Amino acid sequence: MRHDPLWTVDDVSRYLGVPVQTLYDWRLKGTGPPVFKVGRHLRYRESAVMEWLERHTAVA
């Protein structure tokens, strides 16, 4: 089984280059990368962020 790192909202914000608030807005709209809670904390699986980015990236 592969270890899939968990990213915080700040990690994903830095990686995608979007404000943290954008991630919260996307979560409410159901349009951003898949997110789940660990206790009271939001976490993103690294692989899920990468897959989401691939699906939502247009080639110019």
PDB file of N, CA and C in Angstrom:
ATOM      1  N   MET A   1       0.851  -1.186   0.000  1.00  0.00           N
ATOM      2  CA  MET A   1       0.000   0.000   0.000  1.00  0.00           C
ATOM      3  C   MET A   1       0.894   1.247   0.000  1.00  0.00           C
ATOM      4  N   ARG A   2       0.593   2.179  -0.848  1.00  0.00           N
ATOM      5  CA  ARG A   2       1.371   3.407  -0.972  1.00  0.00           C
ATOM      6  C   ARG A   2       0.950   4.408   0.093  1.00  0.00           C
ATOM      7  N   HIS A   3       1.947   5.060   0.679  1.00  0.00           N
ATOM      8  CA  HIS A   3       1.655   6.119   1.645  1.00  0.00           C
ATOM      9  C   HIS A   3       1.228   7.358   0.871  1.00  0.00           C
ATOM     10  N   ASP A   4       0.045   7.865   1.154  1.00  0.00           N
ATOM     11  CA  ASP A   4      -0.486   9.043   0.468  1.00  0.00           C
ATOM     12  C   ASP A   4      -0.500  10.198   1.466  1.00  0.00           C
ATOM     13  N   PRO A   5       0.446  11.127   1.355  1.00  0.00           N
ATOM     14  CA  PRO A   5       0.520  12.224   2.322  1.00  0.00           C
ATOM     15  C   PRO A   5      -0.776  13.030   2.390  1.00  0.00           C
ATOM     16  N   LEU A   6      -1.069  13.516   3.581  1.00  0.00           N
ATOM     17  CA  LEU A   6      -2.221  14.392   3.784  1.00  0.00           C
ATOM     18  C   LEU A   6      -1.734  15.830   3.821  1.00  0.00           C
ATOM     19  N   TRP A   7      -2.408  16.677   3.076  1.00  0.00           N
ATOM     20  CA  TRP A   7      -2.056  18.090   3.011  1.00  0.00           C
ATOM     21  C   TRP A   7      -3.066  18.913   3.776  1.00  0.00           C
ATOM     22  N   THR A   8      -2.590  19.994   4.370  1.00  0.00           N
ATOM     23  CA  THR A   8      -3.461  20.946   5.042  1.00  0.00           C
ATOM     24  C   THR A   8      -4.018  21.932   4.008  1.00  0.00           C
ATOM     25  N   VAL A   9      -4.946  22.757   4.442  1.00  0.00           N
ATOM     26  CA  VAL A   9      -5.485  23.800   3.567  1.00  0.00           C
ATOM     27  C   VAL A   9      -4.350  24.727   3.126  1.00  0.00           C
ATOM     28  N   ASP A  10      -3.444  25.054   4.037  1.00  0.00           N
ATOM     29  CA  ASP A  10      -2.314  25.923   3.680  1.00  0.00           C
ATOM     30  C   ASP A  10      -1.408  25.262   2.641  1.00  0.00           C
ATOM     31  N   ASP A  11      -1.173  23.960   2.787  1.00  0.00           N
ATOM     32  CA  ASP A  11      -0.350  23.238   1.812  1.00  0.00           C
ATOM     33  C   ASP A  11      -0.962  23.320   0.414  1.00  0.00           C
ATOM     34  N   VAL A  12      -2.255  23.059   0.329  1.00  0.00           N
ATOM     35  CA  VAL A  12      -2.943  23.056  -0.972  1.00  0.00           C
ATOM     36  C   VAL A  12      -3.000  24.472  -1.543  1.00  0.00           C
ATOM     37  N   SER A  13      -3.220  25.439  -0.693  1.00  0.00           N
ATOM     38  CA  SER A  13      -3.233  26.838  -1.115  1.00  0.00           C
ATOM     39  C   SER A  13      -1.906  27.222  -1.760  1.00  0.00           C
ATOM     40  N   ARG A  14      -0.813  26.873  -1.110  1.00  0.00           N
ATOM     41  CA  ARG A  14       0.516  27.172  -1.657  1.00  0.00           C
ATOM     42  C   ARG A  14       0.754  26.415  -2.963  1.00  0.00           C
ATOM     43  N   TYR A  15       0.402  25.150  -2.986  1.00  0.00           N
ATOM     44  CA  TYR A  15       0.645  24.318  -4.167  1.00  0.00           C
ATOM     45  C   TYR A  15      -0.125  24.829  -5.386  1.00  0.00           C
ATOM     46  N   LEU A  16      -1.399  25.150  -5.194  1.00  0.00           N
ATOM     47  CA  LEU A  16      -2.238  25.595  -6.309  1.00  0.00           C
ATOM     48  C   LEU A  16      -2.091  27.089  -6.591  1.00  0.00           C
ATOM     49  N   GLY A  17      -1.518  27.830  -5.644  1.00  0.00           N
ATOM     50  CA  GLY A  17      -1.358  29.270  -5.831  1.00  0.00           C
ATOM     51  C   GLY A  17      -2.660  30.027  -5.740  1.00  0.00           C
ATOM     52  N   VAL A  18      -3.560  29.541  -4.873  1.00  0.00           N
ATOM     53  CA  VAL A  18      -4.847  30.215  -4.660  1.00  0.00           C
ATOM     54  C   VAL A  18      -4.982  30.542  -3.176  1.00  0.00           C
ATOM     55  N   PRO A  19      -5.767  31.572  -2.854  1.00  0.00           N
ATOM     56  CA  PRO A  19      -5.966  31.909  -1.441  1.00  0.00           C
ATOM     57  C   PRO A  19      -6.687  30.786  -0.688  1.00  0.00           C
ATOM     58  N   VAL A  20      -6.427  30.699   0.593  1.00  0.00           N
ATOM     59  CA  VAL A  20      -7.100  29.721   1.456  1.00  0.00           C
ATOM     60  C   VAL A  20      -8.617  29.889   1.352  1.00  0.00           C
ATOM     61  N   GLN A  21      -9.084  31.126   1.308  1.00  0.00           N
ATOM     62  CA  GLN A  21     -10.527  31.365   1.231  1.00  0.00           C
ATOM     63  C   GLN A  21     -11.127  30.742  -0.016  1.00  0.00           C
ATOM     64  N   THR A  22     -10.384  30.722  -1.101  1.00  0.00           N
ATOM     65  CA  THR A  22     -10.865  30.092  -2.332  1.00  0.00           C
ATOM     66  C   THR A  22     -11.117  28.605  -2.100  1.00  0.00           C
ATOM     67  N   LEU A  23     -10.223  27.953  -1.377  1.00  0.00           N
ATOM     68  CA  LEU A  23     -10.411  26.526  -1.074  1.00  0.00           C
ATOM     69  C   LEU A  23     -11.671  26.315  -0.240  1.00  0.00           C
ATOM     70  N   TYR A  24     -11.906  27.199   0.739  1.00  0.00           N
ATOM     71  CA  TYR A  24     -13.122  27.082   1.542  1.00  0.00           C
ATOM     72  C   TYR A  24     -14.363  27.314   0.676  1.00  0.00           C
ATOM     73  N   ASP A  25     -14.301  28.277  -0.231  1.00  0.00           N
ATOM     74  CA  ASP A  25     -15.428  28.542  -1.134  1.00  0.00           C
ATOM     75  C   ASP A  25     -15.684  27.343  -2.042  1.00  0.00           C
ATOM     76  N   TRP A  26     -14.613  26.785  -2.609  1.00  0.00           N
ATOM     77  CA  TRP A  26     -14.755  25.614  -3.469  1.00  0.00           C
ATOM     78  C   TRP A  26     -15.359  24.454  -2.703  1.00  0.00           C
ATOM     79  N   ARG A  27     -14.955  24.291  -1.447  1.00  0.00           N
ATOM     80  CA  ARG A  27     -15.494  23.184  -0.628  1.00  0.00           C
ATOM     81  C   ARG A  27     -17.004  23.322  -0.473  1.00  0.00           C
ATOM     82  N   LEU A  28     -17.447  24.546  -0.180  1.00  0.00           N
ATOM     83  CA  LEU A  28     -18.886  24.775  -0.013  1.00  0.00           C
ATOM     84  C   LEU A  28     -19.664  24.533  -1.300  1.00  0.00           C
ATOM     85  N   LYS A  29     -19.049  24.873  -2.436  1.00  0.00           N
ATOM     86  CA  LYS A  29     -19.694  24.686  -3.740  1.00  0.00           C
ATOM     87  C   LYS A  29     -19.523  23.263  -4.267  1.00  0.00           C
ATOM     88  N   GLY A  30     -18.612  22.501  -3.670  1.00  0.00           N
ATOM     89  CA  GLY A  30     -18.348  21.145  -4.140  1.00  0.00           C
ATOM     90  C   GLY A  30     -17.563  21.104  -5.430  1.00  0.00           C
ATOM     91  N   THR A  31     -16.756  22.136  -5.687  1.00  0.00           N
ATOM     92  CA  THR A  31     -16.040  22.209  -6.959  1.00  0.00           C
ATOM     93  C   THR A  31     -14.535  22.008  -6.844  1.00  0.00           C
ATOM     94  N   GLY A  32     -13.993  22.042  -5.661  1.00  0.00           N
ATOM     95  CA  GLY A  32     -12.547  21.934  -5.484  1.00  0.00           C
ATOM     96  C   GLY A  32     -12.091  20.504  -5.318  1.00  0.00           C
ATOM     97  N   PRO A  33     -10.821  20.343  -4.977  1.00  0.00           N
ATOM     98  CA  PRO A  33     -10.294  19.003  -4.725  1.00  0.00           C
ATOM     99  C   PRO A  33     -11.036  18.343  -3.570  1.00  0.00           C
ATOM    100  N   PRO A  34     -11.169  17.021  -3.601  1.00  0.00           N
ATOM    101  CA  PRO A  34     -11.846  16.322  -2.511  1.00  0.00           C
ATOM    102  C   PRO A  34     -11.149  16.588  -1.182  1.00  0.00           C
ATOM    103  N   VAL A  35     -11.951  16.855  -0.171  1.00  0.00           N
ATOM    104  CA  VAL A  35     -11.429  17.183   1.154  1.00  0.00           C
ATOM    105  C   VAL A  35     -12.216  16.406   2.197  1.00  0.00           C
ATOM    106  N   PHE A  36     -11.596  16.100   3.315  1.00  0.00           N
ATOM    107  CA  PHE A  36     -12.293  15.418   4.410  1.00  0.00           C
ATOM    108  C   PHE A  36     -11.756  15.942   5.732  1.00  0.00           C
ATOM    109  N   LYS A  37     -12.438  15.596   6.793  1.00  0.00           N
ATOM    110  CA  LYS A  37     -12.037  16.054   8.116  1.00  0.00           C
ATOM    111  C   LYS A  37     -11.340  14.947   8.890  1.00  0.00           C
ATOM    112  N   VAL A  38     -10.288  15.337   9.582  1.00  0.00           N
ATOM    113  CA  VAL A  38      -9.631  14.491  10.570  1.00  0.00           C
ATOM    114  C   VAL A  38      -9.829  15.239  11.874  1.00  0.00           C
ATOM    115  N   GLY A  39     -10.774  14.760  12.664  1.00  0.00           N
ATOM    116  CA  GLY A  39     -11.164  15.538  13.843  1.00  0.00           C
ATOM    117  C   GLY A  39     -11.815  16.826  13.381  1.00  0.00           C
ATOM    118  N   ARG A  40     -11.231  17.946  13.785  1.00  0.00           N
ATOM    119  CA  ARG A  40     -11.761  19.262  13.390  1.00  0.00           C
ATOM    120  C   ARG A  40     -10.989  19.862  12.221  1.00  0.00           C
ATOM    121  N   HIS A  41     -10.040  19.125  11.680  1.00  0.00           N
ATOM    122  CA  HIS A  41      -9.126  19.670  10.679  1.00  0.00           C
ATOM    123  C   HIS A  41      -9.424  19.132   9.282  1.00  0.00           C
ATOM    124  N   LEU A  42      -9.389  20.032   8.293  1.00  0.00           N
ATOM    125  CA  LEU A  42      -9.571  19.624   6.905  1.00  0.00           C
ATOM    126  C   LEU A  42      -8.264  19.072   6.369  1.00  0.00           C
ATOM    127  N   ARG A  43      -8.366  17.988   5.614  1.00  0.00           N
ATOM    128  CA  ARG A  43      -7.186  17.377   5.011  1.00  0.00           C
ATOM    129  C   ARG A  43      -7.492  16.960   3.574  1.00  0.00           C
ATOM    130  N   TYR A  44      -6.461  17.041   2.749  1.00  0.00           N
ATOM    131  CA  TYR A  44      -6.529  16.664   1.345  1.00  0.00           C
ATOM    132  C   TYR A  44      -5.509  15.559   1.108  1.00  0.00           C
ATOM    133  N   ARG A  45      -5.886  14.523   0.382  1.00  0.00           N
ATOM    134  CA  ARG A  45      -4.913  13.510  -0.022  1.00  0.00           C
ATOM    135  C   ARG A  45      -4.115  14.083  -1.194  1.00  0.00           C
ATOM    136  N   GLU A  46      -2.802  13.942  -1.113  1.00  0.00           N
ATOM    137  CA  GLU A  46      -1.945  14.457  -2.175  1.00  0.00           C
ATOM    138  C   GLU A  46      -2.384  13.932  -3.541  1.00  0.00           C
ATOM    139  N   SER A  47      -2.650  12.642  -3.641  1.00  0.00           N
ATOM    140  CA  SER A  47      -3.029  12.052  -4.930  1.00  0.00           C
ATOM    141  C   SER A  47      -4.347  12.626  -5.444  1.00  0.00           C
ATOM    142  N   ALA A  48      -5.279  12.924  -4.549  1.00  0.00           N
ATOM    143  CA  ALA A  48      -6.570  13.482  -4.961  1.00  0.00           C
ATOM    144  C   ALA A  48      -6.402  14.903  -5.495  1.00  0.00           C
ATOM    145  N   VAL A  49      -5.504  15.682  -4.881  1.00  0.00           N
ATOM    146  CA  VAL A  49      -5.241  17.038  -5.373  1.00  0.00           C
ATOM    147  C   VAL A  49      -4.627  16.966  -6.764  1.00  0.00           C
ATOM    148  N   MET A  50      -3.663  16.056  -6.949  1.00  0.00           N
ATOM    149  CA  MET A  50      -3.011  15.899  -8.253  1.00  0.00           C
ATOM    150  C   MET A  50      -4.013  15.467  -9.328  1.00  0.00           C
ATOM    151  N   GLU A  51      -4.885  14.518  -8.997  1.00  0.00           N
ATOM    152  CA  GLU A  51      -5.898  14.049  -9.953  1.00  0.00           C
ATOM    153  C   GLU A  51      -6.877  15.170 -10.296  1.00  0.00           C
ATOM    154  N   TRP A  52      -7.314  15.913  -9.279  1.00  0.00           N
ATOM    155  CA  TRP A  52      -8.230  17.030  -9.504  1.00  0.00           C
ATOM    156  C   TRP A  52      -7.591  18.060 -10.423  1.00  0.00           C
ATOM    157  N   LEU A  53      -6.318  18.376 -10.164  1.00  0.00           N
ATOM    158  CA  LEU A  53      -5.613  19.363 -10.973  1.00  0.00           C
ATOM    159  C   LEU A  53      -5.508  18.902 -12.426  1.00  0.00           C
ATOM    160  N   GLU A  54      -5.222  17.625 -12.649  1.00  0.00           N
ATOM    161  CA  GLU A  54      -5.148  17.096 -14.015  1.00  0.00           C
ATOM    162  C   GLU A  54      -6.484  17.249 -14.742  1.00  0.00           C
ATOM    163  N   ARG A  55      -7.574  16.971 -14.042  1.00  0.00           N
ATOM    164  CA  ARG A  55      -8.917  17.058 -14.660  1.00  0.00           C
ATOM    165  C   ARG A  55      -9.325  18.512 -14.938  1.00  0.00           C
ATOM    166  N   HIS A  56      -8.780  19.449 -14.170  1.00  0.00           N
ATOM    167  CA  HIS A  56      -9.213  20.844 -14.275  1.00  0.00           C
ATOM    168  C   HIS A  56      -8.153  21.750 -14.882  1.00  0.00           C
ATOM    169  N   THR A  57      -7.208  21.163 -15.573  1.00  0.00           N
ATOM    170  CA  THR A  57      -6.167  21.946 -16.236  1.00  0.00           C
ATOM    171  C   THR A  57      -6.361  21.856 -17.738  1.00  0.00           C
ATOM    172  N   ALA A  58      -6.523  23.013 -18.349  1.00  0.00           N
ATOM    173  CA  ALA A  58      -6.680  23.059 -19.800  1.00  0.00           C
ATOM    174  C   ALA A  58      -5.320  23.329 -20.428  1.00  0.00           C
ATOM    175  N   VAL A  59      -5.065  22.659 -21.532  1.00  0.00           N
ATOM    176  CA  VAL A  59      -3.832  22.888 -22.269  1.00  0.00           C
ATOM    177  C   VAL A  59      -4.047  24.101 -23.159  1.00  0.00           C
ATOM    178  N   ALA A  60      -3.152  25.076 -23.048  1.00  0.00           N
ATOM    179  CA  ALA A  60      -3.295  26.321 -23.826  1.00  0.00           C
ATOM    180  C   ALA A  60      -2.768  26.156 -25.226  1.00  0.00           C
TER     181      ALA A  60
END
